[in-house]
């Protein structure tokens, strides 16, 4: 088992959760059970799956959860894009979030690659 809090990718994805929750707090109430719910679930899934993978018994299981985390990051990427197009999210904020998500996706991919080398 590995302490997930030691991974920089977990720390950055945790910070992203706080930013996304702050951004979605400004969405119209009509989106509470639509985009807001979906974005909040997708963003929190990123660090949650990293944490869960770290609690598993094998590196292979950790990799599986990192792939799930990556999928959630890709999902969030699209949800931010559609939020911006619908006018719910300022384009500057959207761009900052998308840049952060891209960095997190790269970090997850690099971590997967590093772990695979040890198998």
Protein backbone atom coordinates (compact mmCIF):
# COMPACT_ATOMS: atom_id res chain seq x y z
CA UNK A 1 0.00 0.00 0.00
CA UNK A 2 1.12 3.51 -0.85
CA UNK A 3 0.06 6.74 0.85
CA UNK A 4 -1.92 8.46 -1.90
CA UNK A 5 -1.30 11.89 -0.32
CA UNK A 6 2.35 11.62 -1.34
CA UNK A 7 1.51 11.62 -5.05
CA UNK A 8 1.67 15.08 -6.64
CA UNK A 9 -1.05 14.01 -9.08
CA UNK A 10 -3.37 13.31 -6.17
CA UNK A 11 -2.57 16.69 -4.60
CA UNK A 12 -3.25 18.53 -7.86
CA UNK A 13 -6.44 16.62 -8.54
CA UNK A 14 -7.61 17.36 -4.99
CA UNK A 15 -7.01 21.07 -5.62
CA UNK A 16 -8.94 20.72 -8.89
CA UNK A 17 -11.94 19.35 -6.96
CA UNK A 18 -12.02 22.50 -4.86
CA UNK A 19 -11.83 24.69 -7.97
CA UNK A 20 -14.58 22.77 -9.77
CA UNK A 21 -16.89 22.86 -6.77
CA UNK A 22 -16.31 26.60 -6.54
CA UNK A 23 -17.02 27.09 -10.25
CA UNK A 24 -20.15 24.93 -10.33
CA UNK A 25 -21.51 26.77 -7.30
CA UNK A 26 -22.14 29.67 -9.71
CA UNK A 27 -24.17 27.61 -12.20
CA UNK A 28 -27.92 28.13 -12.57
CA UNK A 29 -30.06 26.14 -10.14
CA UNK A 30 -31.65 24.42 -13.14
CA UNK A 31 -28.31 22.64 -13.69
CA UNK A 32 -28.01 21.34 -10.13
CA UNK A 33 -28.98 17.80 -11.16
CA UNK A 34 -27.49 18.07 -14.65
CA UNK A 35 -24.08 19.50 -15.41
CA UNK A 36 -23.27 20.46 -11.83
CA UNK A 37 -23.87 16.96 -10.52
CA UNK A 38 -22.01 15.33 -13.40
CA UNK A 39 -19.01 17.69 -13.13
CA UNK A 40 -18.76 17.28 -9.38
CA UNK A 41 -18.90 13.48 -9.69
CA UNK A 42 -16.31 13.42 -12.47
CA UNK A 43 -13.86 15.73 -10.70
CA UNK A 44 -14.07 13.99 -7.35
CA UNK A 45 -13.61 10.64 -9.07
CA UNK A 46 -10.08 11.61 -10.13
CA UNK A 47 -8.42 11.81 -6.68
CA UNK A 48 -10.82 9.25 -5.21
CA UNK A 49 -9.72 6.55 -7.65
CA UNK A 50 -6.06 7.40 -7.08
CA UNK A 51 -6.65 6.98 -3.34
CA UNK A 52 -8.57 3.75 -3.78
CA UNK A 53 -5.93 2.31 -6.10
CA UNK A 54 -3.23 3.08 -3.54
CA UNK A 55 -5.15 1.04 -0.99
CA UNK A 56 -5.21 -2.06 -3.17
CA UNK A 57 -2.86 -4.99 -2.78
CA UNK A 58 -1.06 -4.93 -6.12
CA UNK A 59 0.48 -2.45 -8.51
CA UNK A 60 -1.68 -3.93 -11.25
CA UNK A 61 -4.79 -2.92 -9.32
CA UNK A 62 -3.37 0.57 -8.78
CA UNK A 63 -2.90 0.90 -12.54
CA UNK A 64 -6.51 -0.12 -13.14
CA UNK A 65 -7.74 2.64 -10.81
CA UNK A 66 -5.38 5.15 -12.43
CA UNK A 67 -7.01 4.36 -15.77
CA UNK A 68 -10.42 5.00 -14.23
CA UNK A 69 -9.11 8.28 -12.84
CA UNK A 70 -7.84 9.22 -16.30
CA UNK A 71 -11.24 8.46 -17.79
CA UNK A 72 -12.87 10.79 -15.27
CA UNK A 73 -10.39 13.53 -16.19
CA UNK A 74 -11.32 13.15 -19.84
CA UNK A 75 -15.01 13.27 -18.96
CA UNK A 76 -14.49 16.45 -16.92
CA UNK A 77 -12.58 17.98 -19.83
CA UNK A 78 -15.66 17.65 -22.03
CA UNK A 79 -18.06 18.85 -19.34
CA UNK A 80 -16.04 22.05 -18.93
CA UNK A 81 -16.03 22.54 -22.69
CA UNK A 82 -19.82 22.20 -22.91
CA UNK A 83 -20.27 24.44 -19.86
CA UNK A 84 -18.28 27.14 -21.56
CA UNK A 85 -20.23 26.79 -24.82
CA UNK A 86 -23.52 27.04 -22.90
CA UNK A 87 -22.32 30.21 -21.19
CA UNK A 88 -22.24 28.78 -17.67
CA UNK A 89 -18.47 29.12 -17.32
CA UNK A 90 -16.31 32.12 -18.17
CA UNK A 91 -13.86 31.32 -20.97
CA UNK A 92 -10.82 32.38 -18.91
CA UNK A 93 -11.81 30.13 -16.02
CA UNK A 94 -12.61 27.30 -18.43
CA UNK A 95 -9.19 27.66 -20.07
CA UNK A 96 -7.43 27.56 -16.69
CA UNK A 97 -9.37 24.45 -15.67
CA UNK A 98 -8.73 22.73 -19.00
CA UNK A 99 -5.01 23.45 -18.72
CA UNK A 100 -4.96 21.99 -15.21
CA UNK A 101 -6.87 18.90 -16.36
CA UNK A 102 -4.42 18.39 -19.23
CA UNK A 103 -1.54 18.47 -16.76
CA UNK A 104 -3.29 15.99 -14.49
CA UNK A 105 -3.98 13.65 -17.42
CA UNK A 106 -0.27 13.77 -18.35
CA UNK A 107 0.73 13.09 -14.75
CA UNK A 108 -1.59 10.08 -14.53
CA UNK A 109 -0.24 8.71 -17.82
CA UNK A 110 3.35 9.17 -16.61
CA UNK A 111 2.58 7.43 -13.32
CA UNK A 112 0.98 4.50 -15.14
CA UNK A 113 4.05 4.23 -17.38
CA UNK A 114 6.40 4.34 -14.39
CA UNK A 115 4.49 1.65 -12.51
CA UNK A 116 4.27 -0.58 -15.59
CA UNK A 117 8.08 -0.52 -15.84
CA UNK A 118 8.29 -2.09 -12.39
CA UNK A 119 5.97 -4.99 -13.23
